[in-house]
């Protein structure tokens, strides 16, 4: 029997320009597109996963999309990266954040 791996990605969240354009319409996609490959410090894309064995792959997908990955915990923490959550740019954060800013909030 095959097992299903569950991952929540937001940042939104929330992966990169292509995913944002395909999955999210409107202001959020534009926000992600403008934050990708941001310099001098890349913006963070938070994710949550109960399966630690996928962390390396998820991290690489996020890095390839122009963001710094930051795992916030298991799926029980994913509410924090949903819209209006404390780690969402349309929630308590109010903006995309760098890795140093994000680590101070997690």
C-alpha atoms as a PDB file:
ATOM      1  CA  UNK A   1       0.000   0.000   0.000  1.00  0.00           C
ATOM      2  CA  UNK A   2       1.365   3.409  -0.969  1.00  0.00           C
ATOM      3  CA  UNK A   3       1.757   6.054   1.697  1.00  0.00           C
ATOM      4  CA  UNK A   4       0.720   9.640   1.209  1.00  0.00           C
ATOM      5  CA  UNK A   5       3.040  12.425   2.303  1.00  0.00           C
ATOM      6  CA  UNK A   6       1.380  15.631   3.416  1.00  0.00           C
ATOM      7  CA  UNK A   7       3.136  18.974   3.145  1.00  0.00           C
ATOM      8  CA  UNK A   8       1.764  22.486   3.520  1.00  0.00           C
ATOM      9  CA  UNK A   9       3.640  25.213   1.678  1.00  0.00           C
ATOM     10  CA  UNK A  10       2.657  28.853   2.018  1.00  0.00           C
ATOM     11  CA  UNK A  11       4.361  32.096   1.507  1.00  0.00           C
ATOM     12  CA  UNK A  12       2.097  31.311   1.915  1.00  0.00           C
ATOM     13  CA  UNK A  13       1.702  30.071   3.422  1.00  0.00           C
ATOM     14  CA  UNK A  14       2.456  29.096   0.936  1.00  0.00           C
ATOM     15  CA  UNK A  15       6.582  27.711  -4.247  1.00  0.00           C
ATOM     16  CA  UNK A  16       8.010  30.514  -6.294  1.00  0.00           C
ATOM     17  CA  UNK A  17       6.773  32.392  -9.316  1.00  0.00           C
ATOM     18  CA  UNK A  18       5.424  29.489 -11.362  1.00  0.00           C
ATOM     19  CA  UNK A  19       3.550  27.801  -8.529  1.00  0.00           C
ATOM     20  CA  UNK A  20       2.221  31.112  -7.297  1.00  0.00           C
ATOM     21  CA  UNK A  21       0.928  32.009 -10.732  1.00  0.00           C
ATOM     22  CA  UNK A  22      -0.709  28.609 -11.161  1.00  0.00           C
ATOM     23  CA  UNK A  23      -2.157  28.122  -7.687  1.00  0.00           C
ATOM     24  CA  UNK A  24      -2.963  31.588  -6.434  1.00  0.00           C
ATOM     25  CA  UNK A  25      -4.598  34.398  -8.356  1.00  0.00           C
ATOM     26  CA  UNK A  26      -4.503  38.134  -7.714  1.00  0.00           C
ATOM     27  CA  UNK A  27      -2.405  40.104  -5.244  1.00  0.00           C
ATOM     28  CA  UNK A  28      -0.742  37.119  -3.614  1.00  0.00           C
ATOM     29  CA  UNK A  29       0.783  35.883  -6.876  1.00  0.00           C
ATOM     30  CA  UNK A  30       2.134  39.343  -7.635  1.00  0.00           C
ATOM     31  CA  UNK A  31       3.550  39.579  -4.127  1.00  0.00           C
ATOM     32  CA  UNK A  32       5.332  36.232  -4.426  1.00  0.00           C
ATOM     33  CA  UNK A  33       6.646  37.049  -7.888  1.00  0.00           C
ATOM     34  CA  UNK A  34       8.165  40.328  -6.708  1.00  0.00           C
ATOM     35  CA  UNK A  35       9.680  38.694  -3.599  1.00  0.00           C
ATOM     36  CA  UNK A  36      11.363  35.820  -5.472  1.00  0.00           C
ATOM     37  CA  UNK A  37      15.145  36.173  -5.821  1.00  0.00           C
ATOM     38  CA  UNK A  38      15.035  39.315  -3.671  1.00  0.00           C
ATOM     39  CA  UNK A  39      18.435  40.870  -2.865  1.00  0.00           C
ATOM     40  CA  UNK A  40      20.459  41.393  -0.747  1.00  0.00           C
ATOM     41  CA  UNK A  41      18.562  38.893   1.441  1.00  0.00           C
ATOM     42  CA  UNK A  42      16.091  36.436  -0.045  1.00  0.00           C
ATOM     43  CA  UNK A  43      12.579  36.359   1.351  1.00  0.00           C
ATOM     44  CA  UNK A  44      11.445  33.316   3.314  1.00  0.00           C
ATOM     45  CA  UNK A  45       8.879  30.786   2.209  1.00  0.00           C
ATOM     46  CA  UNK A  46       7.557  28.940   5.237  1.00  0.00           C
ATOM     47  CA  UNK A  47       6.406  25.348   5.107  1.00  0.00           C
ATOM     48  CA  UNK A  48       5.055  22.707   7.470  1.00  0.00           C
ATOM     49  CA  UNK A  49       5.429  18.949   7.212  1.00  0.00           C
ATOM     50  CA  UNK A  50       4.929  15.936   9.431  1.00  0.00           C
ATOM     51  CA  UNK A  51       7.374  13.948   7.301  1.00  0.00           C
ATOM     52  CA  UNK A  52      10.953  15.066   7.996  1.00  0.00           C
ATOM     53  CA  UNK A  53      12.236  12.811   5.197  1.00  0.00           C
ATOM     54  CA  UNK A  54      10.954  15.327   2.605  1.00  0.00           C
ATOM     55  CA  UNK A  55      12.625  18.385   4.131  1.00  0.00           C
ATOM     56  CA  UNK A  56      15.657  18.284   1.840  1.00  0.00           C
ATOM     57  CA  UNK A  57      13.519  18.061  -1.299  1.00  0.00           C
ATOM     58  CA  UNK A  58      11.113  20.778  -0.184  1.00  0.00           C
ATOM     59  CA  UNK A  59      14.017  23.018   0.829  1.00  0.00           C
ATOM     60  CA  UNK A  60      15.580  22.609  -2.616  1.00  0.00           C
ATOM     61  CA  UNK A  61      12.304  23.379  -4.427  1.00  0.00           C
ATOM     62  CA  UNK A  62      11.919  26.539  -2.402  1.00  0.00           C
ATOM     63  CA  UNK A  63      15.565  27.559  -2.943  1.00  0.00           C
ATOM     64  CA  UNK A  64      15.200  26.964  -6.687  1.00  0.00           C
ATOM     65  CA  UNK A  65      12.176  29.265  -6.638  1.00  0.00           C
ATOM     66  CA  UNK A  66      14.153  32.167  -5.188  1.00  0.00           C
ATOM     67  CA  UNK A  67      13.250  31.935  -1.519  1.00  0.00           C
ATOM     68  CA  UNK A  68      14.868  30.759   1.694  1.00  0.00           C
ATOM     69  CA  UNK A  69      12.981  27.761   3.087  1.00  0.00           C
ATOM     70  CA  UNK A  70      11.957  27.676   6.741  1.00  0.00           C
ATOM     71  CA  UNK A  71      10.150  24.672   8.220  1.00  0.00           C
ATOM     72  CA  UNK A  72       7.935  25.831  11.056  1.00  0.00           C
ATOM     73  CA  UNK A  73       7.015  22.391  12.352  1.00  0.00           C
ATOM     74  CA  UNK A  74       4.418  19.760  11.627  1.00  0.00           C
ATOM     75  CA  UNK A  75       1.059  20.189   9.950  1.00  0.00           C
ATOM     76  CA  UNK A  76      -0.404  21.147  13.307  1.00  0.00           C
ATOM     77  CA  UNK A  77       1.527  24.438  12.844  1.00  0.00           C
ATOM     78  CA  UNK A  78       0.304  25.096   9.282  1.00  0.00           C
ATOM     79  CA  UNK A  79      -2.436  27.444  10.526  1.00  0.00           C
ATOM     80  CA  UNK A  80       0.370  29.902  11.271  1.00  0.00           C
ATOM     81  CA  UNK A  81       1.211  30.192   7.557  1.00  0.00           C
ATOM     82  CA  UNK A  82      -2.359  30.433   6.316  1.00  0.00           C
ATOM     83  CA  UNK A  83      -3.846  33.820   5.383  1.00  0.00           C
ATOM     84  CA  UNK A  84      -4.200  35.930   8.546  1.00  0.00           C
ATOM     85  CA  UNK A  85      -1.842  33.609  10.456  1.00  0.00           C
ATOM     86  CA  UNK A  86       1.014  35.043  12.485  1.00  0.00           C
ATOM     87  CA  UNK A  87       3.578  33.982   9.832  1.00  0.00           C
ATOM     88  CA  UNK A  88       1.682  35.110   6.731  1.00  0.00           C
ATOM     89  CA  UNK A  89       2.353  38.378   4.951  1.00  0.00           C
ATOM     90  CA  UNK A  90      -1.387  39.153   4.956  1.00  0.00           C
ATOM     91  CA  UNK A  91      -1.538  38.248   8.647  1.00  0.00           C
ATOM     92  CA  UNK A  92       0.575  39.432  11.539  1.00  0.00           C
ATOM     93  CA  UNK A  93       3.772  39.734   9.470  1.00  0.00           C
ATOM     94  CA  UNK A  94       2.312  42.323   7.116  1.00  0.00           C
ATOM     95  CA  UNK A  95       5.094  41.749   4.557  1.00  0.00           C
ATOM     96  CA  UNK A  96       7.492  39.160   3.207  1.00  0.00           C
ATOM     97  CA  UNK A  97      10.440  38.686   5.561  1.00  0.00           C
ATOM     98  CA  UNK A  98      14.087  37.674   5.385  1.00  0.00           C
ATOM     99  CA  UNK A  99      15.442  34.555   7.076  1.00  0.00           C
ATOM    100  CA  UNK A 100      16.828  36.517  10.019  1.00  0.00           C
ATOM    101  CA  UNK A 101      13.471  38.263  10.556  1.00  0.00           C
ATOM    102  CA  UNK A 102      11.575  34.983  10.213  1.00  0.00           C
ATOM    103  CA  UNK A 103      13.750  33.075  12.695  1.00  0.00           C
ATOM    104  CA  UNK A 104      13.006  35.680  15.339  1.00  0.00           C
ATOM    105  CA  UNK A 105       9.270  34.928  14.916  1.00  0.00           C
ATOM    106  CA  UNK A 106       9.362  31.131  14.832  1.00  0.00           C
END
